[in-house]
Protein backbone atom coordinates (compact mmCIF):
# COMPACT_ATOMS: atom_id res chain seq x y z
CA UNK A 1 138.79 98.17 88.86
CA UNK A 2 142.40 99.23 89.55
CA UNK A 3 143.74 102.52 88.22
CA UNK A 4 147.46 102.90 88.70
CA UNK A 5 149.44 106.11 88.74
CA UNK A 6 152.11 106.61 86.08
CA UNK A 7 155.50 105.89 87.69
CA UNK A 8 159.05 106.80 86.70
CA UNK A 9 162.26 106.17 88.58
CA UNK A 10 163.61 109.13 90.52
CA UNK A 11 167.21 109.53 91.59
CA UNK A 12 166.34 107.95 94.87
CA UNK A 13 164.74 105.05 93.03
CA UNK A 14 167.91 104.40 91.10
CA UNK A 15 169.91 104.51 94.32
CA UNK A 16 167.42 102.14 95.90
CA UNK A 17 167.80 99.71 93.06
CA UNK A 18 171.57 99.83 93.52
CA UNK A 19 171.17 99.14 97.21
CA UNK A 20 168.90 96.27 96.45
CA UNK A 21 171.49 94.82 94.13
CA UNK A 22 174.09 95.00 96.94
CA UNK A 23 171.68 93.40 99.40
CA UNK A 24 170.98 90.70 96.85
CA UNK A 25 174.67 89.96 96.64
CA UNK A 26 174.91 89.78 100.45
CA UNK A 27 171.93 87.47 100.47
CA UNK A 28 173.63 85.22 97.96
CA UNK A 29 176.89 84.94 99.97
CA UNK A 30 175.75 85.48 103.54
CA UNK A 31 172.07 84.51 103.75
CA UNK A 32 170.69 88.07 104.17
CA UNK A 33 166.99 88.33 103.13
CA UNK A 34 166.69 90.53 100.06
CA UNK A 35 163.89 93.10 99.51
CA UNK A 36 161.46 92.43 96.63
CA UNK A 37 163.02 93.32 93.31
CA UNK A 38 159.84 95.12 92.15
CA UNK A 39 159.44 97.35 95.21
CA UNK A 40 158.44 100.96 94.32
CA UNK A 41 158.74 103.70 96.91
CA UNK A 42 155.87 105.80 95.54
CA UNK A 43 152.70 104.38 94.01
CA UNK A 44 148.92 104.65 94.60
CA UNK A 45 145.90 103.21 92.83
CA UNK A 46 142.10 103.23 92.88
CA UNK A 47 141.45 99.86 94.54
CA UNK A 48 137.63 99.95 94.38
CA UNK A 49 135.00 101.91 92.49
CA UNK A 50 134.54 102.56 88.78
CA UNK A 51 134.32 106.23 87.71
CA UNK A 52 132.40 105.23 84.56
CA UNK A 53 128.74 105.10 85.70
CA UNK A 54 127.69 103.78 82.30
CA UNK A 55 124.03 103.99 81.19
CA UNK A 56 121.66 105.26 83.88
CA UNK A 57 117.99 106.25 83.85
CA UNK A 58 117.41 109.99 83.62
CA UNK A 59 116.27 111.64 86.85
CA UNK A 60 117.85 109.05 89.13
CA UNK A 61 120.76 109.58 91.53
CA UNK A 62 123.59 107.04 91.50
CA UNK A 63 126.14 106.85 94.30
CA UNK A 64 129.49 105.08 94.38
CA UNK A 65 132.26 104.87 96.97
CA UNK A 66 135.91 104.87 95.92
CA UNK A 67 139.05 103.74 97.76
CA UNK A 68 142.62 104.90 97.09
CA UNK A 69 145.37 102.47 98.09
CA UNK A 70 148.97 103.40 98.93
CA UNK A 71 150.61 100.56 97.03
CA UNK A 72 154.16 101.92 97.42
CA UNK A 73 156.78 101.57 100.18
CA UNK A 74 156.74 105.10 101.58
CA UNK A 75 154.22 107.20 103.41
CA UNK A 76 152.31 109.56 101.15
CA UNK A 77 149.86 112.44 101.23
CA UNK A 78 147.17 112.96 98.59
CA UNK A 79 145.91 116.27 97.29
CA UNK A 80 142.59 116.36 95.42
CA UNK A 81 141.71 119.97 94.62
CA UNK A 82 139.59 119.07 91.54
CA UNK A 83 137.85 116.30 93.45
CA UNK A 84 136.62 118.76 96.06
CA UNK A 85 135.31 121.04 93.32
CA UNK A 86 133.92 118.28 91.11
CA UNK A 87 131.39 119.81 88.67
CA UNK A 88 127.80 118.77 87.97
CA UNK A 89 126.25 116.36 87.35
CA UNK A 90 128.84 114.78 89.68
CA UNK A 91 129.52 115.73 93.28
CA UNK A 92 132.10 114.44 95.78
CA UNK A 93 131.46 113.97 99.51
CA UNK A 94 132.65 112.02 102.55
CA UNK A 95 136.32 112.64 101.62
CA UNK A 96 138.32 110.90 104.36
CA UNK A 97 141.61 112.77 103.83
CA UNK A 98 143.03 116.27 103.59
CA UNK A 99 146.18 117.54 101.91
CA UNK A 100 148.19 116.79 105.08
CA UNK A 101 146.77 113.35 105.90
CA UNK A 102 149.63 110.83 105.93
CA UNK A 103 148.72 107.48 104.42
CA UNK A 104 151.02 104.60 105.31
CA UNK A 105 151.89 101.79 102.86
CA UNK A 106 148.84 99.52 102.22
CA UNK A 107 146.70 102.27 103.79
CA UNK A 108 143.51 103.61 102.21
CA UNK A 109 141.76 106.91 101.65
CA UNK A 110 138.09 106.97 100.61
CA UNK A 111 135.52 109.31 99.08
CA UNK A 112 132.01 109.16 97.60
CA UNK A 113 130.74 110.48 94.26
CA UNK A 114 127.08 110.96 93.32
CA UNK A 115 125.84 111.18 89.75
CA UNK A 116 122.54 113.02 89.29
CA UNK A 117 121.51 111.72 85.90
CA UNK A 118 120.52 114.59 83.55
CA UNK A 119 118.12 114.54 80.61
CA UNK A 120 118.51 112.10 77.75
CA UNK A 121 121.07 113.29 75.24
CA UNK A 122 123.39 114.88 77.84
CA UNK A 123 126.32 112.50 78.45
CA UNK A 124 128.94 113.61 80.95
CA UNK A 125 132.72 113.28 81.09
CA UNK A 126 134.48 115.15 83.93
CA UNK A 127 138.23 114.60 84.64
CA UNK A 128 139.73 114.73 88.14
CA UNK A 129 143.48 114.83 88.88
CA UNK A 130 144.87 113.47 92.18
CA UNK A 131 148.44 114.24 93.44
CA UNK A 132 150.36 111.93 95.74
CA UNK A 133 153.56 113.13 97.42
CA UNK A 134 156.23 110.74 98.80
CA UNK A 135 156.94 111.77 102.39
CA UNK A 136 160.48 110.38 102.24
CA UNK A 137 161.80 111.61 98.92
CA UNK A 138 159.40 114.42 98.09
CA UNK A 139 158.62 112.87 94.74
CA UNK A 140 155.11 113.38 93.28
CA UNK A 141 152.81 111.18 91.22
CA UNK A 142 149.62 111.99 89.31
CA UNK A 143 146.47 109.90 88.93
CA UNK A 144 143.68 111.04 86.56
CA UNK A 145 140.11 109.81 86.96
CA UNK A 146 137.39 110.44 84.38
CA UNK A 147 133.85 110.41 85.76
CA UNK A 148 131.41 109.47 82.99
CA UNK A 149 127.71 108.80 82.61
CA UNK A 150 125.12 108.44 79.84
CA UNK A 151 121.39 109.14 80.52
CA UNK A 152 118.70 106.82 79.14
CA UNK A 153 114.91 107.11 79.10
CA UNK A 154 114.50 103.78 80.89
CA UNK A 155 116.64 101.61 83.09
CA UNK A 156 119.54 100.20 81.05
CA UNK A 157 117.99 96.73 81.31
CA UNK A 158 114.29 97.19 80.53
CA UNK A 159 111.48 95.58 78.54
CA UNK A 160 107.70 95.87 78.27
CA UNK A 161 104.94 93.30 77.69
CA UNK A 162 101.82 93.93 75.60
CA UNK A 163 99.00 91.51 74.83
CA UNK A 164 96.70 90.97 71.86
CA UNK A 165 94.99 94.29 71.12
CA UNK A 166 97.76 96.40 72.61
CA UNK A 167 96.85 96.09 76.31
CA UNK A 168 99.04 95.13 79.25
CA UNK A 169 96.77 92.36 80.57
CA UNK A 170 95.23 89.21 79.06
CA UNK A 171 91.47 88.68 79.49
CA UNK A 172 90.43 85.35 77.95
CA UNK A 173 86.71 86.14 78.29
CA UNK A 174 84.24 83.30 78.79
CA UNK A 175 85.30 79.89 77.49
CA UNK A 176 83.27 76.67 77.55
CA UNK A 177 84.71 73.80 79.56
CA UNK A 178 86.55 71.54 77.15
CA UNK A 179 87.29 74.40 74.74
CA UNK A 180 90.19 76.92 74.77
CA UNK A 181 91.19 80.53 74.04
CA UNK A 182 94.65 81.92 73.21
CA UNK A 183 96.37 85.29 73.71
CA UNK A 184 99.68 86.52 72.27
CA UNK A 185 102.15 88.44 74.46
CA UNK A 186 104.83 90.63 72.82
CA UNK A 187 108.03 91.55 74.71
CA UNK A 188 109.78 94.74 73.56
CA UNK A 189 113.34 95.50 74.70
CA UNK A 190 113.38 99.29 75.10
CA UNK A 191 116.51 99.64 77.23
CA UNK A 192 120.11 99.75 76.03
CA UNK A 193 121.08 96.20 76.98
CA UNK A 194 120.13 92.96 75.21
CA UNK A 195 117.90 90.63 77.25
CA UNK A 196 117.70 86.84 77.20
CA UNK A 197 114.22 85.28 77.46
CA UNK A 198 113.30 81.63 78.05
CA UNK A 199 109.99 79.85 78.61
CA UNK A 200 111.57 78.35 81.74
CA UNK A 201 111.54 81.87 83.18
CA UNK A 202 107.79 82.45 82.71
CA UNK A 203 105.79 81.59 85.83
CA UNK A 204 101.97 81.44 85.69
CA UNK A 205 100.15 81.69 89.03
CA UNK A 206 96.69 82.49 90.39
CA UNK A 207 95.87 85.45 92.62
CA UNK A 208 97.10 83.51 95.66
CA UNK A 209 100.45 82.75 94.05
CA UNK A 210 99.69 79.09 93.38
CA UNK A 211 100.35 77.39 90.02
CA UNK A 212 97.54 77.90 87.49
CA UNK A 213 97.27 74.66 85.45
CA UNK A 214 94.50 75.91 83.17
CA UNK A 215 96.82 78.48 81.53
CA UNK A 216 100.00 77.37 79.78
CA UNK A 217 102.67 78.72 77.44
CA UNK A 218 101.93 76.91 74.18
CA UNK A 219 104.37 78.65 71.80
CA UNK A 220 107.23 81.18 71.86
CA UNK A 221 109.94 82.73 69.73
CA UNK A 222 112.70 81.73 72.19
CA UNK A 223 111.82 78.27 73.56
CA UNK A 224 113.12 76.63 76.73
CA UNK A 225 116.75 77.03 75.63
CA UNK A 226 116.28 80.81 75.50
CA UNK A 227 117.42 83.47 73.07
CA UNK A 228 118.86 86.97 73.35
CA UNK A 229 116.71 89.88 72.12
CA UNK A 230 118.58 93.06 71.21
CA UNK A 231 117.43 96.60 72.05
CA UNK A 232 114.61 97.76 69.78
CA UNK A 233 113.66 94.18 68.86
CA UNK A 234 110.68 92.13 70.06
CA UNK A 235 110.09 88.57 71.19
CA UNK A 236 106.72 86.85 71.68
CA UNK A 237 104.95 83.92 73.30
CA UNK A 238 101.41 82.48 73.36
CA UNK A 239 99.23 81.77 76.38
CA UNK A 240 96.36 79.28 76.09
CA UNK A 241 93.47 79.01 78.56
CA UNK A 242 91.85 75.54 78.68
CA UNK A 243 89.35 75.46 81.57
CA UNK A 244 88.69 72.15 83.28
CA UNK A 245 85.69 73.24 85.36
CA UNK A 246 83.18 76.07 85.46
CA UNK A 247 84.18 79.23 87.35
CA UNK A 248 86.33 82.35 86.99
CA UNK A 249 89.94 83.13 87.83
CA UNK A 250 92.48 85.95 88.15
CA UNK A 251 96.22 85.51 88.12
CA UNK A 252 99.38 86.63 86.36
CA UNK A 253 102.18 85.57 84.06
CA UNK A 254 105.53 86.66 85.52
CA UNK A 255 108.08 87.08 82.75
CA UNK A 256 111.74 87.31 83.79
CA UNK A 257 114.51 88.40 81.45
CA UNK A 258 118.26 88.54 82.05
CA UNK A 259 120.17 91.57 80.78
CA UNK A 260 123.35 90.79 78.89
CA UNK A 261 126.03 93.34 79.81
CA UNK A 262 129.00 93.90 77.51
CA UNK A 263 132.10 96.03 77.67
CA UNK A 264 130.41 98.67 75.50
CA UNK A 265 127.28 98.85 77.68
CA UNK A 266 128.37 99.01 81.27
CA UNK A 267 125.97 99.08 84.21
CA UNK A 268 128.13 97.66 86.98
CA UNK A 269 131.15 99.04 88.76
CA UNK A 270 133.48 96.37 87.49
CA UNK A 271 134.86 96.38 83.96
CA UNK A 272 133.09 93.76 81.84
CA UNK A 273 134.90 91.63 79.32
CA UNK A 274 132.71 89.58 77.03
CA UNK A 275 129.04 89.01 77.91
CA UNK A 276 127.76 88.69 81.46
CA UNK A 277 124.15 88.16 82.53
CA UNK A 278 122.97 90.38 85.35
CA UNK A 279 120.13 89.71 87.78
CA UNK A 280 116.64 89.11 86.42
CA UNK A 281 114.22 91.87 85.42
CA UNK A 282 110.59 90.77 85.88
CA UNK A 283 107.43 92.11 84.21
CA UNK A 284 104.00 90.94 85.42
CA UNK A 285 101.12 90.38 82.94
CA UNK A 286 97.70 90.22 84.73
CA UNK A 287 95.42 87.36 83.62
CA UNK A 288 91.67 86.78 83.94
CA UNK A 289 88.95 84.62 82.46
CA UNK A 290 85.92 82.48 83.21
CA UNK A 291 84.66 79.05 82.23
CA UNK A 292 81.07 78.10 81.40
CA UNK A 293 79.65 74.62 81.90
CA UNK A 294 78.67 72.72 78.78
CA UNK A 295 74.89 72.96 78.11
CA UNK A 296 73.36 69.52 77.28
CA UNK A 297 71.93 69.23 73.75
CA UNK A 298 68.09 69.23 73.74
CA UNK A 299 66.70 66.25 71.74
CA UNK A 300 64.25 67.11 68.89
CA UNK A 301 60.59 67.35 69.88
CA UNK A 302 58.46 64.32 68.73
CA UNK A 303 55.50 65.33 66.53
CA UNK A 304 52.13 64.54 68.21
CA UNK A 305 50.38 61.43 66.97
CA UNK A 306 47.37 61.83 64.68
CA UNK A 307 44.09 61.88 66.62
CA UNK A 308 42.31 58.55 66.84
CA UNK A 309 39.35 57.60 64.64
CA UNK A 310 36.07 59.24 65.42
CA UNK A 311 32.65 57.59 65.17
CA UNK A 312 29.94 59.43 63.33
CA UNK A 313 26.53 57.90 64.08
CA UNK A 314 24.01 57.44 61.25
CA UNK A 315 20.35 58.14 61.64
CA UNK A 316 18.71 55.37 63.64
CA UNK A 317 15.62 53.74 62.10
CA UNK A 318 12.90 53.25 64.65
CA UNK A 319 11.08 50.00 65.00
CA UNK A 320 12.78 47.16 63.22
CA UNK A 321 15.60 49.13 61.53
CA UNK A 322 19.14 48.62 62.82
CA UNK A 323 21.63 51.46 63.21
CA UNK A 324 25.03 51.37 61.52
CA UNK A 325 28.15 53.52 61.89
CA UNK A 326 31.08 54.62 59.68
CA UNK A 327 34.72 55.12 60.92
CA UNK A 328 36.31 58.50 60.00
CA UNK A 329 39.89 59.77 60.54
CA UNK A 330 41.09 63.33 59.95
CA UNK A 331 43.45 64.06 57.01
CA UNK A 332 46.77 65.29 58.12
CA UNK A 333 47.02 68.99 57.49
CA UNK A 334 43.31 69.50 56.70
CA UNK A 335 40.18 70.21 58.68
CA UNK A 336 37.87 67.79 56.80
CA UNK A 337 37.33 64.19 57.77
CA UNK A 338 38.43 61.36 55.44
CA UNK A 339 38.99 57.69 55.54
CA UNK A 340 42.15 56.47 56.78
CA UNK A 341 42.51 54.02 53.90
CA UNK A 342 40.51 55.28 50.86
CA UNK A 343 40.05 58.96 51.46
CA UNK A 344 36.28 58.84 50.46
CA UNK A 345 34.39 61.97 51.46
CA UNK A 346 32.17 61.90 54.54
CA UNK A 347 29.06 63.01 52.58
CA UNK A 348 29.32 59.97 50.28
CA UNK A 349 29.46 57.64 53.26
CA UNK A 350 26.40 59.25 54.84
CA UNK A 351 24.46 58.86 51.53
CA UNK A 352 25.53 55.23 51.22
CA UNK A 353 24.36 54.57 54.77
CA UNK A 354 20.98 56.11 54.04
CA UNK A 355 20.51 53.90 50.95
CA UNK A 356 21.42 50.80 52.94
CA UNK A 357 18.88 51.86 55.57
CA UNK A 358 16.10 52.36 52.99
CA UNK A 359 16.81 49.04 51.30
CA UNK A 360 16.68 47.35 54.64
CA UNK A 361 13.39 49.09 55.46
CA UNK A 362 11.92 47.94 52.09
CA UNK A 363 13.05 44.37 52.68
CA UNK A 364 11.41 44.28 56.09
CA UNK A 365 8.19 45.73 54.70
CA UNK A 366 8.11 43.10 51.93
CA UNK A 367 8.73 40.29 54.43
CA UNK A 368 5.84 41.53 56.58
CA UNK A 369 3.43 41.58 53.65
CA UNK A 370 4.39 38.04 52.65
CA UNK A 371 3.81 36.71 56.15
CA UNK A 372 0.32 38.29 56.28
CA UNK A 373 -0.69 36.77 52.97
CA UNK A 374 0.37 33.32 54.12
CA UNK A 375 -1.57 33.78 57.30
CA UNK A 376 -4.73 34.71 55.39
CA UNK A 377 -4.42 31.79 53.01
CA UNK A 378 -4.13 29.46 55.87
């Protein structure tokens, strides 16, 4: 930034211009080198340093160094009584010149100003007048500097990140391998400068700083092309955790935003025309989660087969009677025996067996009697 002193032609300046005109004529006819037509005997400017500190965070101390350049043709001295008594919240130090220090053309004088940023709501505007005296003509020039500053609660370029539920970290909990879980992250611009966000400026790493492939940005309000978010406005993006193997992890999502500085919101020493992006501001969002292996599905249990048939022996007839048996199977869901095919009760079968046995016994007895009679008749 260059601040130039107000200049007006003195009597000597007018005489100098006349002399230059004569020299120009000589140069035209005789080859004499003419002095520059715009030469000014007395002039000085601020060649570096911007007295407008712009927006600064309350409680901080900002320091800037300024240089004064003798841009005229004559030696000068500079008096700075108000600079030496600069009032709070500004203070001057390291002043390299006194009222009698002679500064040659193209020479410099320097000083430092510190700005101790007061509480929010207390902007500052302190004028300082510098006097330069031409050591040849005695002419004097004035240069007025206005030291300004505006306190803010945060850094001028500042934003915060909050996750689902209002926290500052994203815990995905336990997720089965092959499934997924998602968390939203909201970015709030709470400084005084707009900030540009882009998904290309979100880096997801594990605790060792290596890429974390199981967590990805799956949606956002600004995309890869990026978008500018104004102060007091929010932007958002979504993180999705899709584990590929069982285990746990810790890591972070590093979100970088670029402050957009304009002429009405200055944070640098140089005057800004239009919009300029400053260096990145990064906010770290801690991440954690774990993955559980998939549990195999247990097949349904097969019902036990019905017990095999049981044999219930019938009373055995001694002598010439033969024993018989009946086959019995249990009824599903009951405690009584039944036939597998007909369902006849066990008691009926036992009775039927007894009748068959008696009939057989009678038949044998009859056959015996017949044989004895035949034997007797013979």
